[in-house]
Amino acid sequence: RQRTQKGAAAVEFALLLPILLFVFFGIVELSLALYDKAIITNASREGARAGIVARNPKLTDAEIRQVVLNYTNGSLIHFGPGKPPPVVNVVQSTVGTTPSTLGVTVSYTYKGLGVGTMLGALGAPIVLTGSTSMVNE
């Protein structure tokens, strides 16, 4: 009886290994995407906060974009060559509008380890977006 079971554990492990690796890398991929989403959201908040604080003169849209890019530079996780910068949109309310608001939206195309690349090849890349709107002081 012992002789017939010899090697059964190795065969079972070989059958389950691809499934276990798929689950493991899926968890890692999701963790990286959530981390990048948090960075994008915080970057939009930092940009909006820099734009609304009481100072004279107010920051321009280009300066607010630079605040966001400085925050994301080196923080976003990217694998492979050619790290794409996030896209920053700044929307300020018109003069005389009450309350005077400032909105900052940051979008980033997530590449990741494999899932982001596979979805990009299928025509639907993963785009992470963070948006913040604040009232001017």
C-alpha atoms as a PDB file:
ATOM      1  CA  ARG A   1       0.000   0.000   0.000  1.00  0.00           C
ATOM      2  CA  GLN A   2       2.822   2.449   0.753  1.00  0.00           C
ATOM      3  CA  ARG A   3       4.392   1.784  -2.622  1.00  0.00           C
ATOM      4  CA  THR A   4       1.288   2.944  -4.580  1.00  0.00           C
ATOM      5  CA  GLN A   5       1.204   6.340  -2.853  1.00  0.00           C
ATOM      6  CA  LYS A   6       4.825   7.172  -3.614  1.00  0.00           C
ATOM      7  CA  GLY A   7       5.059  10.513  -5.461  1.00  0.00           C
ATOM      8  CA  ALA A   8       1.403  11.455  -4.993  1.00  0.00           C
ATOM      9  CA  ALA A   9       2.265  14.569  -2.983  1.00  0.00           C
ATOM     10  CA  ALA A  10       4.601  15.803  -5.712  1.00  0.00           C
ATOM     11  CA  VAL A  11       1.920  15.349  -8.373  1.00  0.00           C
ATOM     12  CA  GLU A  12      -0.683  17.159  -6.256  1.00  0.00           C
ATOM     13  CA  PHE A  13       1.752  19.986  -5.590  1.00  0.00           C
ATOM     14  CA  ALA A  14       2.534  20.294  -9.302  1.00  0.00           C
ATOM     15  CA  LEU A  15      -1.187  20.530 -10.070  1.00  0.00           C
ATOM     16  CA  LEU A  16      -1.885  23.152  -7.392  1.00  0.00           C
ATOM     17  CA  LEU A  17       1.233  25.292  -7.837  1.00  0.00           C
ATOM     18  CA  PRO A  18      -0.091  27.358 -10.802  1.00  0.00           C
ATOM     19  CA  ILE A  19      -3.294  28.140  -8.907  1.00  0.00           C
ATOM     20  CA  LEU A  20      -1.385  29.132  -5.776  1.00  0.00           C
ATOM     21  CA  LEU A  21       0.980  31.356  -7.781  1.00  0.00           C
ATOM     22  CA  PHE A  22      -1.949  33.000  -9.581  1.00  0.00           C
ATOM     23  CA  VAL A  23      -3.630  33.812  -6.248  1.00  0.00           C
ATOM     24  CA  PHE A  24      -0.368  35.065  -4.721  1.00  0.00           C
ATOM     25  CA  PHE A  25       0.499  37.355  -7.639  1.00  0.00           C
ATOM     26  CA  GLY A  26      -3.111  38.545  -7.778  1.00  0.00           C
ATOM     27  CA  ILE A  27      -2.893  39.627  -4.145  1.00  0.00           C
ATOM     28  CA  VAL A  28       0.423  41.389  -4.768  1.00  0.00           C
ATOM     29  CA  GLU A  29      -0.986  43.114  -7.878  1.00  0.00           C
ATOM     30  CA  LEU A  30      -4.067  44.328  -6.007  1.00  0.00           C
ATOM     31  CA  SER A  31      -1.888  45.619  -3.163  1.00  0.00           C
ATOM     32  CA  LEU A  32       0.284  47.604  -5.565  1.00  0.00           C
ATOM     33  CA  ALA A  33      -2.772  49.079  -7.301  1.00  0.00           C
ATOM     34  CA  LEU A  34      -4.290  50.132  -3.962  1.00  0.00           C
ATOM     35  CA  TYR A  35      -0.989  51.695  -2.898  1.00  0.00           C
ATOM     36  CA  ASP A  36      -0.793  53.706  -6.145  1.00  0.00           C
ATOM     37  CA  LYS A  37      -4.449  54.729  -5.699  1.00  0.00           C
ATOM     38  CA  ALA A  38      -3.626  56.075  -2.228  1.00  0.00           C
ATOM     39  CA  ILE A  39      -0.660  58.026  -3.605  1.00  0.00           C
ATOM     40  CA  ILE A  40      -2.825  59.528  -6.386  1.00  0.00           C
ATOM     41  CA  THR A  41      -5.552  60.513  -3.916  1.00  0.00           C
ATOM     42  CA  ASN A  42      -3.058  62.107  -1.525  1.00  0.00           C
ATOM     43  CA  ALA A  43      -1.372  63.934  -4.401  1.00  0.00           C
ATOM     44  CA  SER A  44      -4.685  65.492  -5.460  1.00  0.00           C
ATOM     45  CA  ARG A  45      -5.301  66.579  -1.862  1.00  0.00           C
ATOM     46  CA  GLU A  46      -1.822  68.093  -1.569  1.00  0.00           C
ATOM     47  CA  GLY A  47      -2.282  69.985  -4.832  1.00  0.00           C
ATOM     48  CA  ALA A  48      -5.676  71.338  -3.808  1.00  0.00           C
ATOM     49  CA  ARG A  49      -4.391  72.329  -0.383  1.00  0.00           C
ATOM     50  CA  ALA A  50      -1.403  74.141  -1.900  1.00  0.00           C
ATOM     51  CA  GLY A  51      -3.743  76.029  -4.236  1.00  0.00           C
ATOM     52  CA  ILE A  52      -6.279  77.225  -1.658  1.00  0.00           C
ATOM     53  CA  VAL A  53      -4.085  78.470   1.173  1.00  0.00           C
ATOM     54  CA  ALA A  54      -4.167  82.206   1.749  1.00  0.00           C
ATOM     55  CA  ARG A  55      -1.122  83.638   0.045  1.00  0.00           C
ATOM     56  CA  ASN A  56      -0.494  86.499  -2.302  1.00  0.00           C
ATOM     57  CA  PRO A  57      -0.202  85.835  -5.177  1.00  0.00           C
ATOM     58  CA  LYS A  58      -2.142  82.569  -5.458  1.00  0.00           C
ATOM     59  CA  LEU A  59      -0.436  79.582  -7.053  1.00  0.00           C
ATOM     60  CA  THR A  60      -0.991  79.226 -10.771  1.00  0.00           C
ATOM     61  CA  ASP A  61      -2.360  76.049 -12.337  1.00  0.00           C
ATOM     62  CA  ALA A  62       1.146  75.126 -13.503  1.00  0.00           C
ATOM     63  CA  GLU A  63       2.525  75.510  -9.959  1.00  0.00           C
ATOM     64  CA  ILE A  64      -0.298  73.351  -8.561  1.00  0.00           C
ATOM     65  CA  ARG A  65       0.492  70.688 -11.189  1.00  0.00           C
ATOM     66  CA  GLN A  66       4.141  70.816 -10.143  1.00  0.00           C
ATOM     67  CA  VAL A  67       3.176  70.292  -6.475  1.00  0.00           C
ATOM     68  CA  VAL A  68       1.245  67.157  -7.489  1.00  0.00           C
ATOM     69  CA  LEU A  69       4.051  65.862  -9.711  1.00  0.00           C
ATOM     70  CA  ASN A  70       6.612  66.450  -6.947  1.00  0.00           C
ATOM     71  CA  TYR A  71       4.425  64.447  -4.560  1.00  0.00           C
ATOM     72  CA  THR A  72       4.033  61.510  -6.945  1.00  0.00           C
ATOM     73  CA  ASN A  73       7.637  61.524  -8.199  1.00  0.00           C
ATOM     74  CA  GLY A  74       9.369  58.509  -6.690  1.00  0.00           C
ATOM     75  CA  SER A  75       6.239  57.355  -4.824  1.00  0.00           C
ATOM     76  CA  LEU A  76       4.306  55.579  -7.572  1.00  0.00           C
ATOM     77  CA  ILE A  77       5.345  51.975  -8.117  1.00  0.00           C
ATOM     78  CA  HIS A  78       6.109  51.162 -11.730  1.00  0.00           C
ATOM     79  CA  PHE A  79       7.761  48.146 -13.334  1.00  0.00           C
ATOM     80  CA  GLY A  80       9.509  48.323 -16.652  1.00  0.00           C
ATOM     81  CA  PRO A  81      10.971  51.151 -18.701  1.00  0.00           C
ATOM     82  CA  GLY A  82       9.329  54.520 -19.293  1.00  0.00           C
ATOM     83  CA  LYS A  83       7.329  55.468 -16.228  1.00  0.00           C
ATOM     84  CA  PRO A  84       4.371  57.532 -17.454  1.00  0.00           C
ATOM     85  CA  PRO A  85       3.698  60.690 -15.416  1.00  0.00           C
ATOM     86  CA  PRO A  86       0.233  61.215 -13.967  1.00  0.00           C
ATOM     87  CA  VAL A  87      -2.163  63.581 -15.739  1.00  0.00           C
ATOM     88  CA  VAL A  88      -3.170  66.538 -13.552  1.00  0.00           C
ATOM     89  CA  ASN A  89      -6.251  68.687 -14.210  1.00  0.00           C
ATOM     90  CA  VAL A  90      -6.833  71.843 -12.188  1.00  0.00           C
ATOM     91  CA  VAL A  91     -10.267  73.487 -12.241  1.00  0.00           C
ATOM     92  CA  GLN A  92     -10.803  76.804 -10.478  1.00  0.00           C
ATOM     93  CA  SER A  93     -14.222  78.344 -10.054  1.00  0.00           C
ATOM     94  CA  THR A  94     -14.950  81.578 -11.887  1.00  0.00           C
ATOM     95  CA  VAL A  95     -14.237  84.877 -10.164  1.00  0.00           C
ATOM     96  CA  GLY A  96     -17.152  86.087  -8.036  1.00  0.00           C
ATOM     97  CA  THR A  97     -18.630  82.613  -7.536  1.00  0.00           C
ATOM     98  CA  THR A  98     -19.482  81.805  -3.938  1.00  0.00           C
ATOM     99  CA  PRO A  99     -17.987  79.629  -2.598  1.00  0.00           C
ATOM    100  CA  SER A 100     -14.774  79.903  -4.584  1.00  0.00           C
ATOM    101  CA  THR A 101     -13.555  76.327  -5.080  1.00  0.00           C
ATOM    102  CA  LEU A 102     -10.507  74.619  -6.495  1.00  0.00           C
ATOM    103  CA  GLY A 103     -10.635  71.097  -7.888  1.00  0.00           C
ATOM    104  CA  VAL A 104      -7.633  68.889  -8.622  1.00  0.00           C
ATOM    105  CA  THR A 105      -7.976  65.582 -10.476  1.00  0.00           C
ATOM    106  CA  VAL A 106      -5.036  63.227 -10.918  1.00  0.00           C
ATOM    107  CA  SER A 107      -5.160  60.256 -13.317  1.00  0.00           C
ATOM    108  CA  TYR A 108      -2.536  57.550 -13.689  1.00  0.00           C
ATOM    109  CA  THR A 109      -2.420  54.545 -16.011  1.00  0.00           C
ATOM    110  CA  TYR A 110      -1.468  51.578 -13.853  1.00  0.00           C
ATOM    111  CA  LYS A 111       0.867  49.034 -15.450  1.00  0.00           C
ATOM    112  CA  GLY A 112       1.645  46.743 -12.521  1.00  0.00           C
ATOM    113  CA  LEU A 113       3.327  43.376 -12.687  1.00  0.00           C
ATOM    114  CA  GLY A 114       1.167  41.648 -15.256  1.00  0.00           C
ATOM    115  CA  VAL A 115      -2.548  42.286 -14.915  1.00  0.00           C
ATOM    116  CA  GLY A 116      -2.273  45.951 -15.899  1.00  0.00           C
ATOM    117  CA  THR A 117      -0.201  45.041 -18.932  1.00  0.00           C
ATOM    118  CA  MET A 118      -2.604  42.277 -19.978  1.00  0.00           C
ATOM    119  CA  LEU A 119      -5.624  44.578 -19.669  1.00  0.00           C
ATOM    120  CA  GLY A 120      -3.772  47.266 -21.639  1.00  0.00           C
ATOM    121  CA  ALA A 121      -3.191  44.763 -24.429  1.00  0.00           C
ATOM    122  CA  LEU A 122      -6.915  43.991 -24.477  1.00  0.00           C
ATOM    123  CA  GLY A 123      -7.700  47.691 -24.922  1.00  0.00           C
ATOM    124  CA  ALA A 124      -8.819  48.562 -21.392  1.00  0.00           C
ATOM    125  CA  PRO A 125      -5.906  49.791 -19.254  1.00  0.00           C
ATOM    126  CA  ILE A 126      -6.427  50.340 -15.551  1.00  0.00           C
ATOM    127  CA  VAL A 127      -6.674  54.087 -14.905  1.00  0.00           C
ATOM    128  CA  LEU A 128      -6.427  55.174 -11.282  1.00  0.00           C
ATOM    129  CA  THR A 129      -8.056  58.525 -10.517  1.00  0.00           C
ATOM    130  CA  GLY A 130      -8.059  60.715  -7.433  1.00  0.00           C
ATOM    131  CA  SER A 131     -10.046  63.917  -7.155  1.00  0.00           C
ATOM    132  CA  THR A 132     -10.206  66.620  -4.483  1.00  0.00           C
ATOM    133  CA  SER A 133     -12.259  69.803  -4.284  1.00  0.00           C
ATOM    134  CA  MET A 134     -11.624  72.474  -1.642  1.00  0.00           C
ATOM    135  CA  VAL A 135     -12.956  75.934  -0.869  1.00  0.00           C
ATOM    136  CA  ASN A 136     -10.473  78.832  -1.121  1.00  0.00           C
ATOM    137  CA  GLU A 137      -9.514  80.512   2.132  1.00  0.00           C
END
